[in-house]
N, C-alpha and C. Protein backbone atom coordinates (compact mmCIF):
# COMPACT_ATOMS: atom_id res chain seq x y z
N MET A 1 104.22 90.67 93.17
CA MET A 1 104.76 91.69 92.20
C MET A 1 104.99 93.14 93.04
N THR A 2 106.17 93.66 92.91
CA THR A 2 106.46 94.79 93.55
C THR A 2 106.03 96.15 92.90
N ILE A 3 105.43 96.92 93.63
CA ILE A 3 104.82 98.30 93.06
C ILE A 3 105.92 99.13 92.93
N LYS A 4 106.01 100.15 91.83
CA LYS A 4 106.95 101.02 91.50
C LYS A 4 106.28 102.35 91.48
N ILE A 5 107.05 103.42 91.55
CA ILE A 5 106.56 104.73 91.64
C ILE A 5 105.67 104.90 90.19
N SER A 6 106.16 104.40 89.29
CA SER A 6 105.40 104.60 87.94
C SER A 6 103.94 103.79 88.06
N ASP A 7 103.86 102.90 88.85
CA ASP A 7 102.72 102.15 89.01
C ASP A 7 101.63 103.03 89.98
N ILE A 8 102.28 103.49 90.78
CA ILE A 8 101.47 104.34 91.70
C ILE A 8 101.05 105.70 90.92
N ARG A 9 101.82 106.32 90.14
CA ARG A 9 101.43 107.43 89.34
C ARG A 9 100.23 106.99 88.39
N GLU A 10 100.44 105.92 87.80
CA GLU A 10 99.37 105.30 86.87
C GLU A 10 98.03 105.20 87.48
N TYR A 11 98.06 104.66 88.72
CA TYR A 11 96.80 104.37 89.40
C TYR A 11 96.11 105.72 90.00
N GLN A 12 96.91 106.63 90.33
CA GLN A 12 96.60 107.90 90.72
C GLN A 12 95.97 108.72 89.60
N LEU A 13 96.57 108.58 88.55
CA LEU A 13 96.03 109.18 87.25
C LEU A 13 94.47 108.52 86.97
N LYS A 14 94.40 107.33 87.13
CA LYS A 14 93.18 106.51 86.92
C LYS A 14 92.16 107.15 87.94
N MET A 15 92.58 107.42 89.19
CA MET A 15 91.80 107.88 90.17
C MET A 15 91.31 109.30 89.80
N GLU A 16 92.13 110.02 89.25
CA GLU A 16 91.78 111.50 88.88
C GLU A 16 90.61 111.31 87.68
N THR A 17 90.82 110.33 86.88
CA THR A 17 89.75 110.14 85.84
C THR A 17 88.55 109.74 86.36
N VAL A 18 88.43 108.88 87.46
CA VAL A 18 87.26 108.50 88.12
C VAL A 18 86.58 109.87 88.77
N LYS A 19 87.53 110.64 89.27
CA LYS A 19 86.94 111.94 90.03
C LYS A 19 86.36 112.69 88.89
N ALA A 20 87.09 113.01 87.80
CA ALA A 20 86.67 113.73 86.69
C ALA A 20 85.40 113.40 86.02
N ASN A 21 85.17 112.11 86.06
CA ASN A 21 83.90 111.53 85.39
C ASN A 21 82.78 111.48 86.28
N GLY A 22 82.70 112.18 87.45
CA GLY A 22 81.72 112.04 88.48
C GLY A 22 81.95 110.93 89.29
N PHE A 23 82.45 111.19 90.58
CA PHE A 23 82.98 110.06 91.50
C PHE A 23 81.85 109.08 91.68
N ARG A 24 82.25 107.74 91.41
CA ARG A 24 81.23 106.63 91.52
C ARG A 24 81.98 105.62 92.40
N ALA A 25 81.22 105.32 93.56
CA ALA A 25 81.86 104.66 94.52
C ALA A 25 82.22 103.08 94.07
N ASN A 26 81.61 102.55 93.05
CA ASN A 26 81.75 101.24 92.51
C ASN A 26 83.05 101.29 91.69
N GLU A 27 83.25 102.41 90.81
CA GLU A 27 84.44 102.51 90.18
C GLU A 27 85.62 102.80 91.04
N TYR A 28 85.58 103.40 92.13
CA TYR A 28 86.61 103.51 93.06
C TYR A 28 86.93 102.27 93.81
N LYS A 29 86.07 101.54 94.04
CA LYS A 29 86.18 100.18 94.68
C LYS A 29 86.86 99.26 93.75
N THR A 30 86.39 99.25 92.52
CA THR A 30 87.01 98.39 91.34
C THR A 30 88.52 98.76 91.39
N LEU A 31 88.75 99.84 91.13
CA LEU A 31 90.19 100.34 90.93
C LEU A 31 90.98 99.91 92.14
N GLY A 32 90.45 100.18 93.48
CA GLY A 32 91.10 99.76 94.60
C GLY A 32 91.41 98.31 94.68
N ARG A 33 90.46 97.49 94.28
CA ARG A 33 90.65 96.02 94.46
C ARG A 33 91.62 95.45 93.19
N GLU A 34 91.49 96.15 92.19
CA GLU A 34 92.54 95.96 91.03
C GLU A 34 94.06 96.24 91.57
N LEU A 35 94.13 97.36 92.11
CA LEU A 35 95.47 97.68 92.69
C LEU A 35 96.05 96.71 93.78
N ARG A 36 95.02 96.56 94.83
CA ARG A 36 95.50 95.60 95.92
C ARG A 36 95.70 94.23 95.30
N ASP A 37 95.00 93.73 94.44
CA ASP A 37 95.34 92.29 94.09
C ASP A 37 96.66 92.20 93.04
N LYS A 38 96.57 93.24 92.26
CA LYS A 38 97.75 93.17 91.42
C LYS A 38 99.15 93.19 92.15
N PHE A 39 99.20 93.98 93.23
CA PHE A 39 100.46 94.30 93.93
C PHE A 39 100.55 93.64 95.36
N SER A 40 99.59 92.83 95.75
CA SER A 40 99.41 92.15 96.95
C SER A 40 99.58 93.07 98.11
N LEU A 41 98.69 94.08 98.12
CA LEU A 41 98.65 95.29 99.04
C LEU A 41 97.39 94.90 99.95
N THR A 42 97.54 95.53 100.99
CA THR A 42 96.16 95.56 101.86
C THR A 42 95.18 96.62 101.32
N ASP A 43 94.00 96.50 101.73
CA ASP A 43 92.96 97.31 101.37
C ASP A 43 93.42 98.95 101.78
N ARG A 44 93.89 99.04 102.99
CA ARG A 44 94.20 100.27 103.57
C ARG A 44 95.33 101.03 102.65
N GLU A 45 96.42 100.07 102.10
CA GLU A 45 97.43 100.38 101.38
C GLU A 45 97.01 100.90 99.90
N ALA A 46 96.10 100.18 99.43
CA ALA A 46 95.46 100.54 98.05
C ALA A 46 94.71 101.83 98.13
N ILE A 47 93.79 102.08 99.15
CA ILE A 47 93.23 103.30 99.43
C ILE A 47 94.13 104.51 99.60
N ASP A 48 95.29 104.39 100.41
CA ASP A 48 96.22 105.43 100.53
C ASP A 48 96.79 105.78 99.33
N ILE A 49 97.20 104.94 98.40
CA ILE A 49 97.90 105.06 97.09
C ILE A 49 96.68 105.94 96.35
N LEU A 50 95.60 105.43 96.14
CA LEU A 50 94.57 106.17 95.32
C LEU A 50 94.29 107.62 95.81
N ASN A 51 94.38 107.86 97.24
CA ASN A 51 94.09 109.07 97.84
C ASN A 51 95.34 110.00 97.77
N GLY A 52 96.45 109.45 97.44
CA GLY A 52 97.72 110.24 97.27
C GLY A 52 98.31 110.68 98.65
N LYS A 53 98.29 109.60 99.70
CA LYS A 53 98.77 109.72 101.03
C LYS A 53 100.33 109.49 100.95
N ASP A 54 101.10 110.61 100.91
CA ASP A 54 102.44 110.54 100.66
C ASP A 54 103.31 109.61 101.60
N GLU A 55 103.06 109.96 102.87
CA GLU A 55 103.77 109.25 103.92
C GLU A 55 103.40 107.78 103.91
N ALA A 56 102.14 107.51 103.73
CA ALA A 56 101.88 105.85 103.74
C ALA A 56 102.41 105.35 102.41
N ILE A 57 102.35 105.99 101.15
CA ILE A 57 103.09 105.44 100.08
C ILE A 57 104.62 105.25 100.42
N LEU A 58 105.26 105.96 100.89
CA LEU A 58 106.67 105.90 101.24
C LEU A 58 106.79 104.66 102.13
N LYS A 59 105.79 104.40 103.22
CA LYS A 59 106.02 103.24 104.08
C LYS A 59 105.78 102.06 103.24
N ILE A 60 104.88 102.01 102.29
CA ILE A 60 104.70 100.86 101.39
C ILE A 60 105.91 100.53 100.47
N LEU A 61 106.35 101.57 99.94
CA LEU A 61 107.64 101.32 99.11
C LEU A 61 108.88 100.92 100.12
N GLU A 62 109.07 101.36 101.40
CA GLU A 62 109.93 100.93 102.21
C GLU A 62 109.87 99.40 102.59
N LYS A 63 108.69 98.96 102.87
CA LYS A 63 108.09 97.76 103.24
C LYS A 63 108.46 96.80 102.15
N GLN A 64 108.38 97.03 100.82
CA GLN A 64 108.67 96.19 99.85
C GLN A 64 110.11 96.20 99.44
N GLU A 65 110.93 97.12 100.02
CA GLU A 65 112.32 96.96 99.81
C GLU A 65 113.01 95.94 100.69
N GLU A 66 112.35 95.69 101.86
CA GLU A 66 112.88 94.70 102.70
C GLU A 66 112.89 93.29 102.27
C-alpha cells in the first residue's frame, strides 16, 4: 500500500496524542510497527515519519512514486 500525505498526517497526530498522554516507549513502538507494516516501510522510515523529519518524508514519497 502506498502512503499518502493524509496518512502521514494521521500518524503524526497519533504521535502527538502519545506524547500528550505521557510518552510511553511501548506505545511509540506499537505505533511505529503499525505504520511500518501497513505501508511496507523500514523501521527508520516509520520513525522519521513519527518524528516529523520533513526531508526523510519527502524521500519516502519520492521513492514510492518510482
